[in-house]
């Protein structure tokens, strides 16, 4: 999934978004895409809530924690604690 696909039909809204927020959201989408590819996660409906509708390879707890750390860094948070650094 390309980063632009993350927005679906909401591209008009994205054009009016704060540039820093847009950069972080696109970076998060790209990080999640790369993470899913790296670990072979092929369930497009995967979510951390543990949904019972499994349609593909789900991540292990360690893999999900890895993604969480990556997304925290992108958001300006400490990767381990989640506290904002700015």
PDB file of N, CA and C in Angstrom:
ATOM      1  N   UNK A   1       0.846  -1.167   0.000  1.00  0.00           N
ATOM      2  CA  UNK A   1       0.000   0.000   0.000  1.00  0.00           C
ATOM      3  C   UNK A   1       0.893   1.232   0.000  1.00  0.00           C
ATOM      4  N   UNK A   2       0.716   2.085  -0.949  1.00  0.00           N
ATOM      5  CA  UNK A   2       1.478   3.320  -1.016  1.00  0.00           C
ATOM      6  C   UNK A   2       0.965   4.296   0.033  1.00  0.00           C
ATOM      7  N   UNK A   3       1.816   5.216   0.436  1.00  0.00           N
ATOM      8  CA  UNK A   3       1.425   6.172   1.468  1.00  0.00           C
ATOM      9  C   UNK A   3       0.199   6.968   1.044  1.00  0.00           C
ATOM     10  N   UNK A   4       0.074   7.304  -0.246  1.00  0.00           N
ATOM     11  CA  UNK A   4      -1.087   8.059  -0.716  1.00  0.00           C
ATOM     12  C   UNK A   4      -2.378   7.267  -0.569  1.00  0.00           C
ATOM     13  N   UNK A   5      -2.300   5.933  -0.654  1.00  0.00           N
ATOM     14  CA  UNK A   5      -3.495   5.107  -0.510  1.00  0.00           C
ATOM     15  C   UNK A   5      -4.052   5.163   0.902  1.00  0.00           C
ATOM     16  N   UNK A   6      -3.223   5.551   1.857  1.00  0.00           N
ATOM     17  CA  UNK A   6      -3.650   5.646   3.247  1.00  0.00           C
ATOM     18  C   UNK A   6      -4.832   6.600   3.369  1.00  0.00           C
ATOM     19  N   UNK A   7      -4.861   7.607   2.551  1.00  0.00           N
ATOM     20  CA  UNK A   7      -5.899   8.630   2.653  1.00  0.00           C
ATOM     21  C   UNK A   7      -7.179   8.253   1.948  1.00  0.00           C
ATOM     22  N   UNK A   8      -7.134   7.311   1.027  1.00  0.00           N
ATOM     23  CA  UNK A   8      -8.344   6.960   0.296  1.00  0.00           C
ATOM     24  C   UNK A   8      -8.925   8.171  -0.403  1.00  0.00           C
ATOM     25  N   UNK A   9     -10.199   8.426  -0.189  1.00  0.00           N
ATOM     26  CA  UNK A   9     -10.876   9.547  -0.848  1.00  0.00           C
ATOM     27  C   UNK A   9     -10.749  10.856  -0.110  1.00  0.00           C
ATOM     28  N   UNK A  10      -9.962  10.924   0.943  1.00  0.00           N
ATOM     29  CA  UNK A  10      -9.883  12.128   1.760  1.00  0.00           C
ATOM     30  C   UNK A  10      -8.712  13.024   1.376  1.00  0.00           C
ATOM     31  N   UNK A  11      -8.280  12.977   0.152  1.00  0.00           N
ATOM     32  CA  UNK A  11      -7.109  13.764  -0.258  1.00  0.00           C
ATOM     33  C   UNK A  11      -7.360  15.255  -0.178  1.00  0.00           C
ATOM     34  N   UNK A  12      -8.576  15.709  -0.426  1.00  0.00           N
ATOM     35  CA  UNK A  12      -8.876  17.137  -0.352  1.00  0.00           C
ATOM     36  C   UNK A  12      -8.649  17.636   1.068  1.00  0.00           C
ATOM     37  N   UNK A  13      -9.105  16.881   2.048  1.00  0.00           N
ATOM     38  CA  UNK A  13      -8.893  17.254   3.440  1.00  0.00           C
ATOM     39  C   UNK A  13      -7.406  17.263   3.753  1.00  0.00           C
ATOM     40  N   UNK A  14      -6.680  16.291   3.242  1.00  0.00           N
ATOM     41  CA  UNK A  14      -5.250  16.194   3.499  1.00  0.00           C
ATOM     42  C   UNK A  14      -4.504  17.401   2.947  1.00  0.00           C
ATOM     43  N   UNK A  15      -4.978  17.975   1.857  1.00  0.00           N
ATOM     44  CA  UNK A  15      -4.314  19.140   1.280  1.00  0.00           C
ATOM     45  C   UNK A  15      -4.413  20.346   2.204  1.00  0.00           C
ATOM     46  N   UNK A  16      -5.475  20.434   3.003  1.00  0.00           N
ATOM     47  CA  UNK A  16      -5.669  21.557   3.906  1.00  0.00           C
ATOM     48  C   UNK A  16      -5.087  21.296   5.297  1.00  0.00           C
ATOM     49  N   UNK A  17      -4.473  20.157   5.492  1.00  0.00           N
ATOM     50  CA  UNK A  17      -3.942  19.756   6.794  1.00  0.00           C
ATOM     51  C   UNK A  17      -2.619  20.462   7.070  1.00  0.00           C
ATOM     52  N   UNK A  18      -2.340  20.655   8.357  1.00  0.00           N
ATOM     53  CA  UNK A  18      -1.059  21.198   8.777  1.00  0.00           C
ATOM     54  C   UNK A  18       0.066  20.351   8.164  1.00  0.00           C
ATOM     55  N   UNK A  19       1.058  20.984   7.538  1.00  0.00           N
ATOM     56  CA  UNK A  19       2.110  20.216   6.854  1.00  0.00           C
ATOM     57  C   UNK A  19       2.862  19.237   7.768  1.00  0.00           C
ATOM     58  N   UNK A  20       3.121  19.621   8.999  1.00  0.00           N
ATOM     59  CA  UNK A  20       3.837  18.725   9.917  1.00  0.00           C
ATOM     60  C   UNK A  20       2.982  17.514  10.269  1.00  0.00           C
ATOM     61  N   UNK A  21       1.688  17.742  10.484  1.00  0.00           N
ATOM     62  CA  UNK A  21       0.793  16.617  10.781  1.00  0.00           C
ATOM     63  C   UNK A  21       0.708  15.682   9.583  1.00  0.00           C
ATOM     64  N   UNK A  22       0.591  16.260   8.383  1.00  0.00           N
ATOM     65  CA  UNK A  22       0.530  15.440   7.173  1.00  0.00           C
ATOM     66  C   UNK A  22       1.812  14.626   7.020  1.00  0.00           C
ATOM     67  N   UNK A  23       2.963  15.253   7.273  1.00  0.00           N
ATOM     68  CA  UNK A  23       4.239  14.543   7.168  1.00  0.00           C
ATOM     69  C   UNK A  23       4.282  13.364   8.138  1.00  0.00           C
ATOM     70  N   UNK A  24       3.843  13.574   9.364  1.00  0.00           N
ATOM     71  CA  UNK A  24       3.861  12.500  10.356  1.00  0.00           C
ATOM     72  C   UNK A  24       2.904  11.373   9.989  1.00  0.00           C
ATOM     73  N   UNK A  25       1.726  11.717   9.506  1.00  0.00           N
ATOM     74  CA  UNK A  25       0.758  10.682   9.128  1.00  0.00           C
ATOM     75  C   UNK A  25       1.249   9.862   7.942  1.00  0.00           C
ATOM     76  N   UNK A  26       1.834  10.535   6.960  1.00  0.00           N
ATOM     77  CA  UNK A  26       2.383   9.811   5.809  1.00  0.00           C
ATOM     78  C   UNK A  26       3.567   8.945   6.223  1.00  0.00           C
ATOM     79  N   UNK A  27       4.409   9.469   7.108  1.00  0.00           N
ATOM     80  CA  UNK A  27       5.548   8.686   7.607  1.00  0.00           C
ATOM     81  C   UNK A  27       5.058   7.469   8.391  1.00  0.00           C
ATOM     82  N   UNK A  28       4.001   7.647   9.180  1.00  0.00           N
ATOM     83  CA  UNK A  28       3.445   6.526   9.943  1.00  0.00           C
ATOM     84  C   UNK A  28       2.869   5.464   9.006  1.00  0.00           C
ATOM     85  N   UNK A  29       2.179   5.903   7.964  1.00  0.00           N
ATOM     86  CA  UNK A  29       1.617   4.951   7.001  1.00  0.00           C
ATOM     87  C   UNK A  29       2.723   4.172   6.300  1.00  0.00           C
ATOM     88  N   UNK A  30       3.790   4.860   5.928  1.00  0.00           N
ATOM     89  CA  UNK A  30       4.915   4.200   5.258  1.00  0.00           C
ATOM     90  C   UNK A  30       5.619   3.244   6.221  1.00  0.00           C
ATOM     91  N   UNK A  31       5.782   3.657   7.482  1.00  0.00           N
ATOM     92  CA  UNK A  31       6.427   2.785   8.474  1.00  0.00           C
ATOM     93  C   UNK A  31       5.595   1.526   8.688  1.00  0.00           C
ATOM     94  N   UNK A  32       4.276   1.677   8.746  1.00  0.00           N
ATOM     95  CA  UNK A  32       3.420   0.503   8.947  1.00  0.00           C
ATOM     96  C   UNK A  32       3.466  -0.414   7.723  1.00  0.00           C
ATOM     97  N   UNK A  33       3.497   0.165   6.523  1.00  0.00           N
ATOM     98  CA  UNK A  33       3.586  -0.641   5.306  1.00  0.00           C
ATOM     99  C   UNK A  33       4.892  -1.430   5.292  1.00  0.00           C
ATOM    100  N   UNK A  34       6.006  -0.759   5.602  1.00  0.00           N
ATOM    101  CA  UNK A  34       7.312  -1.422   5.597  1.00  0.00           C
ATOM    102  C   UNK A  34       7.377  -2.497   6.679  1.00  0.00           C
ATOM    103  N   UNK A  35       6.811  -2.212   7.839  1.00  0.00           N
ATOM    104  CA  UNK A  35       6.782  -3.178   8.939  1.00  0.00           C
ATOM    105  C   UNK A  35       5.987  -4.413   8.530  1.00  0.00           C
ATOM    106  N   UNK A  36       4.814  -4.203   7.930  1.00  0.00           N
ATOM    107  CA  UNK A  36       3.981  -5.334   7.501  1.00  0.00           C
ATOM    108  C   UNK A  36       4.713  -6.178   6.456  1.00  0.00           C
ATOM    109  N   UNK A  37       5.393  -5.524   5.538  1.00  0.00           N
ATOM    110  CA  UNK A  37       6.153  -6.252   4.520  1.00  0.00           C
ATOM    111  C   UNK A  37       7.313  -7.024   5.144  1.00  0.00           C
ATOM    112  N   UNK A  38       8.020  -6.385   6.051  1.00  0.00           N
ATOM    113  CA  UNK A  38       9.175  -7.003   6.711  1.00  0.00           C
ATOM    114  C   UNK A  38       8.777  -8.256   7.487  1.00  0.00           C
ATOM    115  N   UNK A  39       7.604  -8.242   8.101  1.00  0.00           N
ATOM    116  CA  UNK A  39       7.175  -9.364   8.932  1.00  0.00           C
ATOM    117  C   UNK A  39       6.136 -10.263   8.256  1.00  0.00           C
ATOM    118  N   UNK A  40       5.788  -9.946   7.027  1.00  0.00           N
ATOM    119  CA  UNK A  40       4.842 -10.790   6.310  1.00  0.00           C
ATOM    120  C   UNK A  40       3.419 -10.699   6.841  1.00  0.00           C
ATOM    121  N   UNK A  41       3.064  -9.564   7.418  1.00  0.00           N
ATOM    122  CA  UNK A  41       1.707  -9.366   7.927  1.00  0.00           C
ATOM    123  C   UNK A  41       0.833  -9.052   6.715  1.00  0.00           C
ATOM    124  N   UNK A  42      -0.079  -9.962   6.418  1.00  0.00           N
ATOM    125  CA  UNK A  42      -0.874  -9.794   5.199  1.00  0.00           C
ATOM    126  C   UNK A  42      -2.367  -9.635   5.473  1.00  0.00           C
ATOM    127  N   UNK A  43      -2.744  -9.377   6.708  1.00  0.00           N
ATOM    128  CA  UNK A  43      -4.147  -9.168   7.046  1.00  0.00           C
ATOM    129  C   UNK A  43      -4.437  -7.671   7.010  1.00  0.00           C
ATOM    130  N   UNK A  44      -5.131  -7.191   5.983  1.00  0.00           N
ATOM    131  CA  UNK A  44      -5.386  -5.758   5.875  1.00  0.00           C
ATOM    132  C   UNK A  44      -6.295  -5.231   6.983  1.00  0.00           C
ATOM    133  N   UNK A  45      -7.002  -6.109   7.666  1.00  0.00           N
ATOM    134  CA  UNK A  45      -7.909  -5.694   8.729  1.00  0.00           C
ATOM    135  C   UNK A  45      -7.276  -5.826  10.111  1.00  0.00           C
ATOM    136  N   UNK A  46      -5.966  -6.104  10.180  1.00  0.00           N
ATOM    137  CA  UNK A  46      -5.319  -6.287  11.468  1.00  0.00           C
ATOM    138  C   UNK A  46      -5.451  -5.039  12.317  1.00  0.00           C
ATOM    139  N   UNK A  47      -5.752  -5.244  13.574  1.00  0.00           N
ATOM    140  CA  UNK A  47      -5.774  -4.141  14.532  1.00  0.00           C
ATOM    141  C   UNK A  47      -5.339  -4.676  15.881  1.00  0.00           C
ATOM    142  N   UNK A  48      -4.881  -3.791  16.731  1.00  0.00           N
ATOM    143  CA  UNK A  48      -4.365  -4.203  18.030  1.00  0.00           C
ATOM    144  C   UNK A  48      -5.451  -4.640  18.994  1.00  0.00           C
ATOM    145  N   UNK A  49      -6.710  -4.428  18.653  1.00  0.00           N
ATOM    146  CA  UNK A  49      -7.785  -4.778  19.584  1.00  0.00           C
ATOM    147  C   UNK A  49      -8.040  -6.280  19.650  1.00  0.00           C
ATOM    148  N   UNK A  50      -7.344  -7.049  18.824  1.00  0.00           N
ATOM    149  CA  UNK A  50      -7.493  -8.505  18.870  1.00  0.00           C
ATOM    150  C   UNK A  50      -8.784  -8.995  18.256  1.00  0.00           C
ATOM    151  N   UNK A  51      -9.200  -8.373  17.184  1.00  0.00           N
ATOM    152  CA  UNK A  51     -10.421  -8.758  16.496  1.00  0.00           C
ATOM    153  C   UNK A  51     -10.416 -10.257  16.192  1.00  0.00           C
ATOM    154  N   UNK A  52     -11.565 -10.885  16.293  1.00  0.00           N
ATOM    155  CA  UNK A  52     -11.664 -12.328  16.044  1.00  0.00           C
ATOM    156  C   UNK A  52     -11.734 -12.654  14.555  1.00  0.00           C
ATOM    157  N   UNK A  53     -11.929 -11.653  13.713  1.00  0.00           N
ATOM    158  CA  UNK A  53     -11.994 -11.880  12.266  1.00  0.00           C
ATOM    159  C   UNK A  53     -10.579 -11.908  11.699  1.00  0.00           C
ATOM    160  N   UNK A  54      -9.966 -13.071  11.690  1.00  0.00           N
ATOM    161  CA  UNK A  54      -8.595 -13.231  11.196  1.00  0.00           C
ATOM    162  C   UNK A  54      -8.629 -13.623   9.733  1.00  0.00           C
ATOM    163  N   UNK A  55      -7.923 -12.861   8.900  1.00  0.00           N
ATOM    164  CA  UNK A  55      -7.924 -13.120   7.460  1.00  0.00           C
ATOM    165  C   UNK A  55      -6.524 -13.246   6.888  1.00  0.00           C
ATOM    166  N   UNK A  56      -5.548 -13.495   7.702  1.00  0.00           N
ATOM    167  CA  UNK A  56      -4.185 -13.593   7.210  1.00  0.00           C
ATOM    168  C   UNK A  56      -3.217 -13.686   8.366  1.00  0.00           C
ATOM    169  N   UNK A  57      -1.951 -13.472   8.058  1.00  0.00           N
ATOM    170  CA  UNK A  57      -0.908 -13.572   9.087  1.00  0.00           C
ATOM    171  C   UNK A  57      -0.994 -12.391  10.029  1.00  0.00           C
ATOM    172  N   UNK A  58      -1.112 -12.684  11.306  1.00  0.00           N
ATOM    173  CA  UNK A  58      -1.172 -11.677  12.355  1.00  0.00           C
ATOM    174  C   UNK A  58       0.218 -11.500  12.973  1.00  0.00           C
ATOM    175  N   UNK A  59       0.538 -10.330  13.504  1.00  0.00           N
ATOM    176  CA  UNK A  59       1.845 -10.134  14.132  1.00  0.00           C
ATOM    177  C   UNK A  59       1.905 -10.773  15.515  1.00  0.00           C
ATOM    178  N   UNK A  60       3.110 -11.097  15.920  1.00  0.00           N
ATOM    179  CA  UNK A  60       3.320 -11.544  17.292  1.00  0.00           C
ATOM    180  C   UNK A  60       3.278 -10.307  18.187  1.00  0.00           C
ATOM    181  N   UNK A  61       3.245 -10.516  19.492  1.00  0.00           N
ATOM    182  CA  UNK A  61       3.260  -9.395  20.433  1.00  0.00           C
ATOM    183  C   UNK A  61       4.538  -8.572  20.271  1.00  0.00           C
ATOM    184  N   UNK A  62       5.647  -9.243  20.032  1.00  0.00           N
ATOM    185  CA  UNK A  62       6.920  -8.541  19.856  1.00  0.00           C
ATOM    186  C   UNK A  62       6.908  -7.684  18.591  1.00  0.00           C
ATOM    187  N   UNK A  63       6.326  -8.219  17.518  1.00  0.00           N
ATOM    188  CA  UNK A  63       6.243  -7.458  16.275  1.00  0.00           C
ATOM    189  C   UNK A  63       5.332  -6.253  16.437  1.00  0.00           C
ATOM    190  N   UNK A  64       4.217  -6.424  17.133  1.00  0.00           N
ATOM    191  CA  UNK A  64       3.305  -5.302  17.371  1.00  0.00           C
ATOM    192  C   UNK A  64       3.986  -4.235  18.227  1.00  0.00           C
ATOM    193  N   UNK A  65       4.773  -4.650  19.215  1.00  0.00           N
ATOM    194  CA  UNK A  65       5.500  -3.700  20.058  1.00  0.00           C
ATOM    195  C   UNK A  65       6.547  -2.943  19.240  1.00  0.00           C
ATOM    196  N   UNK A  66       7.174  -3.634  18.291  1.00  0.00           N
ATOM    197  CA  UNK A  66       8.150  -2.985  17.407  1.00  0.00           C
ATOM    198  C   UNK A  66       7.481  -1.870  16.615  1.00  0.00           C
ATOM    199  N   UNK A  67       6.313  -2.156  16.049  1.00  0.00           N
ATOM    200  CA  UNK A  67       5.586  -1.139  15.294  1.00  0.00           C
ATOM    201  C   UNK A  67       5.212   0.026  16.202  1.00  0.00           C
ATOM    202  N   UNK A  68       4.743  -0.258  17.385  1.00  0.00           N
ATOM    203  CA  UNK A  68       4.367   0.799  18.325  1.00  0.00           C
ATOM    204  C   UNK A  68       5.548   1.722  18.612  1.00  0.00           C
ATOM    205  N   UNK A  69       6.727   1.151  18.814  1.00  0.00           N
ATOM    206  CA  UNK A  69       7.924   1.964  19.059  1.00  0.00           C
ATOM    207  C   UNK A  69       8.247   2.838  17.854  1.00  0.00           C
ATOM    208  N   UNK A  70       8.154   2.280  16.646  1.00  0.00           N
ATOM    209  CA  UNK A  70       8.434   3.060  15.437  1.00  0.00           C
ATOM    210  C   UNK A  70       7.452   4.221  15.295  1.00  0.00           C
ATOM    211  N   UNK A  71       6.170   3.957  15.545  1.00  0.00           N
ATOM    212  CA  UNK A  71       5.159   5.003  15.413  1.00  0.00           C
ATOM    213  C   UNK A  71       5.327   6.078  16.480  1.00  0.00           C
ATOM    214  N   UNK A  72       5.765   5.688  17.662  1.00  0.00           N
ATOM    215  CA  UNK A  72       6.020   6.677  18.716  1.00  0.00           C
ATOM    216  C   UNK A  72       7.134   7.627  18.311  1.00  0.00           C
ATOM    217  N   UNK A  73       8.200   7.102  17.734  1.00  0.00           N
ATOM    218  CA  UNK A  73       9.312   7.950  17.299  1.00  0.00           C
ATOM    219  C   UNK A  73       8.823   8.963  16.269  1.00  0.00           C
ATOM    220  N   UNK A  74       8.026   8.513  15.317  1.00  0.00           N
ATOM    221  CA  UNK A  74       7.489   9.401  14.290  1.00  0.00           C
ATOM    222  C   UNK A  74       6.631  10.496  14.910  1.00  0.00           C
ATOM    223  N   UNK A  75       5.902  10.155  15.962  1.00  0.00           N
ATOM    224  CA  UNK A  75       5.002  11.113  16.617  1.00  0.00           C
ATOM    225  C   UNK A  75       5.724  12.043  17.586  1.00  0.00           C
ATOM    226  N   UNK A  76       7.026  11.847  17.770  1.00  0.00           N
ATOM    227  CA  UNK A  76       7.774  12.696  18.689  1.00  0.00           C
ATOM    228  C   UNK A  76       7.689  12.231  20.129  1.00  0.00           C
ATOM    229  N   UNK A  77       7.476  10.933  20.308  1.00  0.00           N
ATOM    230  CA  UNK A  77       7.382  10.359  21.646  1.00  0.00           C
ATOM    231  C   UNK A  77       8.594   9.489  21.935  1.00  0.00           C
ATOM    232  N   UNK A  78       8.846   9.288  23.227  1.00  0.00           N
ATOM    233  CA  UNK A  78       9.880   8.346  23.627  1.00  0.00           C
ATOM    234  C   UNK A  78       9.397   6.952  23.198  1.00  0.00           C
ATOM    235  N   UNK A  79      10.233   6.177  22.492  1.00  0.00           N
ATOM    236  CA  UNK A  79       9.774   4.881  21.973  1.00  0.00           C
ATOM    237  C   UNK A  79       9.415   3.873  23.049  1.00  0.00           C
ATOM    238  N   UNK A  80       9.963   4.000  24.224  1.00  0.00           N
ATOM    239  CA  UNK A  80       9.695   3.027  25.287  1.00  0.00           C
ATOM    240  C   UNK A  80       8.540   3.455  26.201  1.00  0.00           C
ATOM    241  N   UNK A  81       8.493   4.745  26.540  1.00  0.00           N
ATOM    242  CA  UNK A  81       7.497   5.205  27.515  1.00  0.00           C
ATOM    243  C   UNK A  81       6.268   5.830  26.884  1.00  0.00           C
ATOM    244  N   UNK A  82       6.415   6.345  25.661  1.00  0.00           N
ATOM    245  CA  UNK A  82       5.311   7.030  25.000  1.00  0.00           C
ATOM    246  C   UNK A  82       5.156   8.482  25.412  1.00  0.00           C
ATOM    247  N   UNK A  83       6.033   8.965  26.272  1.00  0.00           N
ATOM    248  CA  UNK A  83       5.982  10.375  26.679  1.00  0.00           C
ATOM    249  C   UNK A  83       6.472  11.252  25.551  1.00  0.00           C
ATOM    250  N   UNK A  84       5.773  12.383  25.372  1.00  0.00           N
ATOM    251  CA  UNK A  84       6.187  13.327  24.323  1.00  0.00           C
ATOM    252  C   UNK A  84       7.511  13.976  24.687  1.00  0.00           C
ATOM    253  N   UNK A  85       8.383  14.107  23.702  1.00  0.00           N
ATOM    254  CA  UNK A  85       9.710  14.638  23.916  1.00  0.00           C
ATOM    255  C   UNK A  85       9.775  16.150  23.693  1.00  0.00           C
ATOM    256  N   UNK A  86       8.762  16.715  23.099  1.00  0.00           N
ATOM    257  CA  UNK A  86       8.779  18.158  22.793  1.00  0.00           C
ATOM    258  C   UNK A  86       7.797  18.899  23.634  1.00  0.00           C
TER     259      UNK A  86
END
